[in-house]
Amino acid sequence: MKRPIRVVVAKAGLDGHDRGAKVVARALRDAGMEVIYTGVHQTPEQVVETALQEDADAIGVSLLSGAHNYIFPRINELMKEKGLDDVLLFGGGIIPEADWPGLRKVGVERVFPPGASLEEITTYVRAAVPKKRGVEV
């Protein structure tokens, strides 16, 4: 890719605890990526609109509220409507491992649980974005 990877980091829904999202946003930024942090209480519509306006390569959503089975499918639906099929969607937070396969079916490429290393997240995003975009690294 000829420019830095652009990642929207979002806190969707009613969840107001954003420390983890901010730590991940900083790690992505420190790894050379451009990060757009949406702040808390974003709707799926706001998250996707931000990704569209910012020409994002990836959307990372942090959820702790238990609404992941609603929010992720809605974000994916909106991404398809807006033609963002080549944008990577990943998540993290308190998401039961039993729900991960269902989330993969609705477009969530990867879920990072609490305790995932920042290196693991940044390495994943750096490798997955070009693959999703169909770009040679």
C-alpha atoms as a PDB file:
ATOM      1  CA  MET A   1       0.000   0.000   0.000  1.00  0.00           C
ATOM      2  CA  LYS A   2       1.294   3.420  -0.908  1.00  0.00           C
ATOM      3  CA  ARG A   3      -0.107   5.229   2.121  1.00  0.00           C
ATOM      4  CA  PRO A   4      -0.429   4.349   5.798  1.00  0.00           C
ATOM      5  CA  ILE A   5      -3.250   1.994   6.703  1.00  0.00           C
ATOM      6  CA  ARG A   6      -6.272   3.984   7.918  1.00  0.00           C
ATOM      7  CA  VAL A   7      -8.222   2.413  10.786  1.00  0.00           C
ATOM      8  CA  VAL A   8     -11.461   3.629  12.346  1.00  0.00           C
ATOM      9  CA  VAL A   9     -11.579   2.554  15.998  1.00  0.00           C
ATOM     10  CA  ALA A  10     -15.124   2.728  17.314  1.00  0.00           C
ATOM     11  CA  LYS A  11     -17.125   2.277  20.480  1.00  0.00           C
ATOM     12  CA  ALA A  12     -20.617   1.410  19.296  1.00  0.00           C
ATOM     13  CA  GLY A  13     -23.744   1.187  21.398  1.00  0.00           C
ATOM     14  CA  LEU A  14     -24.284   2.193  24.984  1.00  0.00           C
ATOM     15  CA  ASP A  15     -20.924   1.003  26.267  1.00  0.00           C
ATOM     16  CA  GLY A  16     -19.049   3.961  27.734  1.00  0.00           C
ATOM     17  CA  HIS A  17     -15.807   2.301  28.865  1.00  0.00           C
ATOM     18  CA  ASP A  18     -13.211   3.168  26.229  1.00  0.00           C
ATOM     19  CA  ARG A  19      -9.811   2.674  27.833  1.00  0.00           C
ATOM     20  CA  GLY A  20      -9.079  -0.507  25.855  1.00  0.00           C
ATOM     21  CA  ALA A  21     -10.144   1.087  22.569  1.00  0.00           C
ATOM     22  CA  LYS A  22      -7.872   4.044  23.246  1.00  0.00           C
ATOM     23  CA  VAL A  23      -4.933   1.760  24.055  1.00  0.00           C
ATOM     24  CA  VAL A  24      -5.464  -0.177  20.816  1.00  0.00           C
ATOM     25  CA  ALA A  25      -5.851   3.079  18.851  1.00  0.00           C
ATOM     26  CA  ARG A  26      -2.556   4.339  20.228  1.00  0.00           C
ATOM     27  CA  ALA A  27      -0.797   1.045  19.459  1.00  0.00           C
ATOM     28  CA  LEU A  28      -2.031   1.140  15.861  1.00  0.00           C
ATOM     29  CA  ARG A  29      -0.912   4.748  15.558  1.00  0.00           C
ATOM     30  CA  ASP A  30       2.491   3.948  17.070  1.00  0.00           C
ATOM     31  CA  ALA A  31       2.806   1.141  14.496  1.00  0.00           C
ATOM     32  CA  GLY A  32       2.536   3.742  11.731  1.00  0.00           C
ATOM     33  CA  MET A  33      -1.155   3.578  10.947  1.00  0.00           C
ATOM     34  CA  GLU A  34      -3.532   6.514  10.715  1.00  0.00           C
ATOM     35  CA  VAL A  35      -6.239   6.116  13.348  1.00  0.00           C
ATOM     36  CA  ILE A  36      -9.610   7.810  13.543  1.00  0.00           C
ATOM     37  CA  TYR A  37     -11.167   7.294  16.972  1.00  0.00           C
ATOM     38  CA  THR A  38     -14.931   7.879  16.986  1.00  0.00           C
ATOM     39  CA  GLY A  39     -15.495   8.242  20.711  1.00  0.00           C
ATOM     40  CA  VAL A  40     -18.184   6.449  22.693  1.00  0.00           C
ATOM     41  CA  HIS A  41     -21.886   5.862  22.019  1.00  0.00           C
ATOM     42  CA  GLN A  42     -21.652   5.632  18.240  1.00  0.00           C
ATOM     43  CA  THR A  43     -24.412   4.050  16.179  1.00  0.00           C
ATOM     44  CA  PRO A  44     -23.517   1.509  13.504  1.00  0.00           C
ATOM     45  CA  GLU A  45     -24.573   4.155  10.968  1.00  0.00           C
ATOM     46  CA  GLN A  46     -22.108   6.669  12.419  1.00  0.00           C
ATOM     47  CA  VAL A  47     -19.285   4.123  12.440  1.00  0.00           C
ATOM     48  CA  VAL A  48     -19.784   3.189   8.795  1.00  0.00           C
ATOM     49  CA  GLU A  49     -20.245   6.808   7.723  1.00  0.00           C
ATOM     50  CA  THR A  50     -16.956   7.703   9.433  1.00  0.00           C
ATOM     51  CA  ALA A  51     -15.204   4.843   7.625  1.00  0.00           C
ATOM     52  CA  LEU A  52     -16.643   6.023   4.326  1.00  0.00           C
ATOM     53  CA  GLN A  53     -15.718   9.677   4.856  1.00  0.00           C
ATOM     54  CA  GLU A  54     -12.216   8.835   6.084  1.00  0.00           C
ATOM     55  CA  ASP A  55     -11.493   6.314   3.306  1.00  0.00           C
ATOM     56  CA  ALA A  56     -10.725   3.724   5.976  1.00  0.00           C
ATOM     57  CA  ASP A  57      -9.042   0.412   5.259  1.00  0.00           C
ATOM     58  CA  ALA A  58     -10.297  -1.171   8.474  1.00  0.00           C
ATOM     59  CA  ILE A  59     -12.907  -0.762  11.190  1.00  0.00           C
ATOM     60  CA  GLY A  60     -12.127  -2.002  14.678  1.00  0.00           C
ATOM     61  CA  VAL A  61     -15.061  -2.070  17.084  1.00  0.00           C
ATOM     62  CA  SER A  62     -14.702  -2.466  20.833  1.00  0.00           C
ATOM     63  CA  LEU A  63     -17.747  -3.878  22.634  1.00  0.00           C
ATOM     64  CA  LEU A  64     -18.213  -4.658  26.280  1.00  0.00           C
ATOM     65  CA  SER A  65     -21.991  -4.282  26.506  1.00  0.00           C
ATOM     66  CA  GLY A  66     -23.125  -7.632  25.110  1.00  0.00           C
ATOM     67  CA  ALA A  67     -24.667  -6.049  22.007  1.00  0.00           C
ATOM     68  CA  HIS A  68     -22.154  -7.605  19.612  1.00  0.00           C
ATOM     69  CA  ASN A  69     -24.729  -9.917  17.982  1.00  0.00           C
ATOM     70  CA  TYR A  70     -26.723  -6.860  16.919  1.00  0.00           C
ATOM     71  CA  ILE A  71     -24.047  -4.227  16.299  1.00  0.00           C
ATOM     72  CA  PHE A  72     -21.616  -6.234  14.158  1.00  0.00           C
ATOM     73  CA  PRO A  73     -24.261  -7.604  11.749  1.00  0.00           C
ATOM     74  CA  ARG A  74     -25.706  -4.096  11.375  1.00  0.00           C
ATOM     75  CA  ILE A  75     -22.269  -2.593  10.688  1.00  0.00           C
ATOM     76  CA  ASN A  76     -21.569  -5.297   8.101  1.00  0.00           C
ATOM     77  CA  GLU A  77     -24.944  -4.722   6.439  1.00  0.00           C
ATOM     78  CA  LEU A  78     -24.256  -0.988   6.199  1.00  0.00           C
ATOM     79  CA  MET A  79     -20.739  -1.609   4.905  1.00  0.00           C
ATOM     80  CA  LYS A  80     -22.190  -3.691   2.063  1.00  0.00           C
ATOM     81  CA  GLU A  81     -24.786  -0.999   1.288  1.00  0.00           C
ATOM     82  CA  LYS A  82     -22.027   1.628   1.060  1.00  0.00           C
ATOM     83  CA  GLY A  83     -19.703  -0.515  -1.061  1.00  0.00           C
ATOM     84  CA  LEU A  84     -17.147  -1.088   1.681  1.00  0.00           C
ATOM     85  CA  ASP A  85     -16.752  -4.790   0.930  1.00  0.00           C
ATOM     86  CA  ASP A  86     -12.962  -4.484   0.862  1.00  0.00           C
ATOM     87  CA  VAL A  87     -12.732  -2.846   4.303  1.00  0.00           C
ATOM     88  CA  LEU A  88     -11.551  -5.107   7.109  1.00  0.00           C
ATOM     89  CA  LEU A  89     -13.952  -5.450  10.061  1.00  0.00           C
ATOM     90  CA  PHE A  90     -12.526  -6.703  13.347  1.00  0.00           C
ATOM     91  CA  GLY A  91     -13.493  -6.423  16.982  1.00  0.00           C
ATOM     92  CA  GLY A  92     -12.498  -6.813  20.548  1.00  0.00           C
ATOM     93  CA  GLY A  93     -13.739  -6.625  24.077  1.00  0.00           C
ATOM     94  CA  ILE A  94     -15.975  -8.841  26.138  1.00  0.00           C
ATOM     95  CA  ILE A  95     -17.298 -11.128  23.413  1.00  0.00           C
ATOM     96  CA  PRO A  96     -17.820 -14.778  24.358  1.00  0.00           C
ATOM     97  CA  GLU A  97     -15.718 -17.149  22.288  1.00  0.00           C
ATOM     98  CA  ALA A  98     -18.873 -19.156  21.549  1.00  0.00           C
ATOM     99  CA  ASP A  99     -20.165 -16.148  19.573  1.00  0.00           C
ATOM    100  CA  TRP A 100     -17.066 -15.747  17.374  1.00  0.00           C
ATOM    101  CA  PRO A 101     -18.139 -18.218  14.638  1.00  0.00           C
ATOM    102  CA  GLY A 102     -21.466 -16.422  14.241  1.00  0.00           C
ATOM    103  CA  LEU A 103     -19.697 -13.078  14.035  1.00  0.00           C
ATOM    104  CA  ARG A 104     -17.360 -14.436  11.350  1.00  0.00           C
ATOM    105  CA  LYS A 105     -20.457 -15.349   9.320  1.00  0.00           C
ATOM    106  CA  VAL A 106     -21.557 -11.704   9.408  1.00  0.00           C
ATOM    107  CA  GLY A 107     -18.224 -10.307   8.285  1.00  0.00           C
ATOM    108  CA  VAL A 108     -16.138  -9.945  11.449  1.00  0.00           C
ATOM    109  CA  GLU A 109     -12.742 -11.185  10.335  1.00  0.00           C
ATOM    110  CA  ARG A 110     -11.244 -11.513  13.818  1.00  0.00           C
ATOM    111  CA  VAL A 111     -12.121 -10.975  17.478  1.00  0.00           C
ATOM    112  CA  PHE A 112      -9.462 -10.022  20.016  1.00  0.00           C
ATOM    113  CA  PRO A 113     -10.366 -10.951  23.594  1.00  0.00           C
ATOM    114  CA  PRO A 114      -9.152  -9.158  26.714  1.00  0.00           C
ATOM    115  CA  GLY A 115      -5.463  -9.858  27.132  1.00  0.00           C
ATOM    116  CA  ALA A 116      -4.674  -9.967  23.411  1.00  0.00           C
ATOM    117  CA  SER A 117      -1.303  -8.365  22.905  1.00  0.00           C
ATOM    118  CA  LEU A 118      -1.010  -5.047  21.130  1.00  0.00           C
ATOM    119  CA  GLU A 119       1.677  -6.579  18.919  1.00  0.00           C
ATOM    120  CA  GLU A 120      -0.751  -9.335  17.898  1.00  0.00           C
ATOM    121  CA  ILE A 121      -3.401  -6.768  16.963  1.00  0.00           C
ATOM    122  CA  THR A 122      -1.072  -4.470  15.015  1.00  0.00           C
ATOM    123  CA  THR A 123       0.599  -7.374  13.210  1.00  0.00           C
ATOM    124  CA  TYR A 124      -2.792  -8.773  12.259  1.00  0.00           C
ATOM    125  CA  VAL A 125      -4.122  -5.460  10.920  1.00  0.00           C
ATOM    126  CA  ARG A 126      -0.920  -4.790   8.984  1.00  0.00           C
ATOM    127  CA  ALA A 127      -1.191  -8.206   7.254  1.00  0.00           C
ATOM    128  CA  ALA A 128      -4.979  -8.464   6.893  1.00  0.00           C
ATOM    129  CA  VAL A 129      -5.710  -5.064   5.333  1.00  0.00           C
ATOM    130  CA  PRO A 130      -3.652  -5.573   2.143  1.00  0.00           C
ATOM    131  CA  LYS A 131      -5.084  -9.080   1.814  1.00  0.00           C
ATOM    132  CA  LYS A 132      -8.659  -7.761   2.154  1.00  0.00           C
ATOM    133  CA  ARG A 133      -7.917  -4.904  -0.281  1.00  0.00           C
ATOM    134  CA  GLY A 134      -6.270  -7.296  -2.766  1.00  0.00           C
ATOM    135  CA  VAL A 135      -2.989  -5.374  -2.657  1.00  0.00           C
ATOM    136  CA  GLU A 136       0.481  -6.896  -2.804  1.00  0.00           C
ATOM    137  CA  VAL A 137       2.652  -6.047   0.167  1.00  0.00           C
END
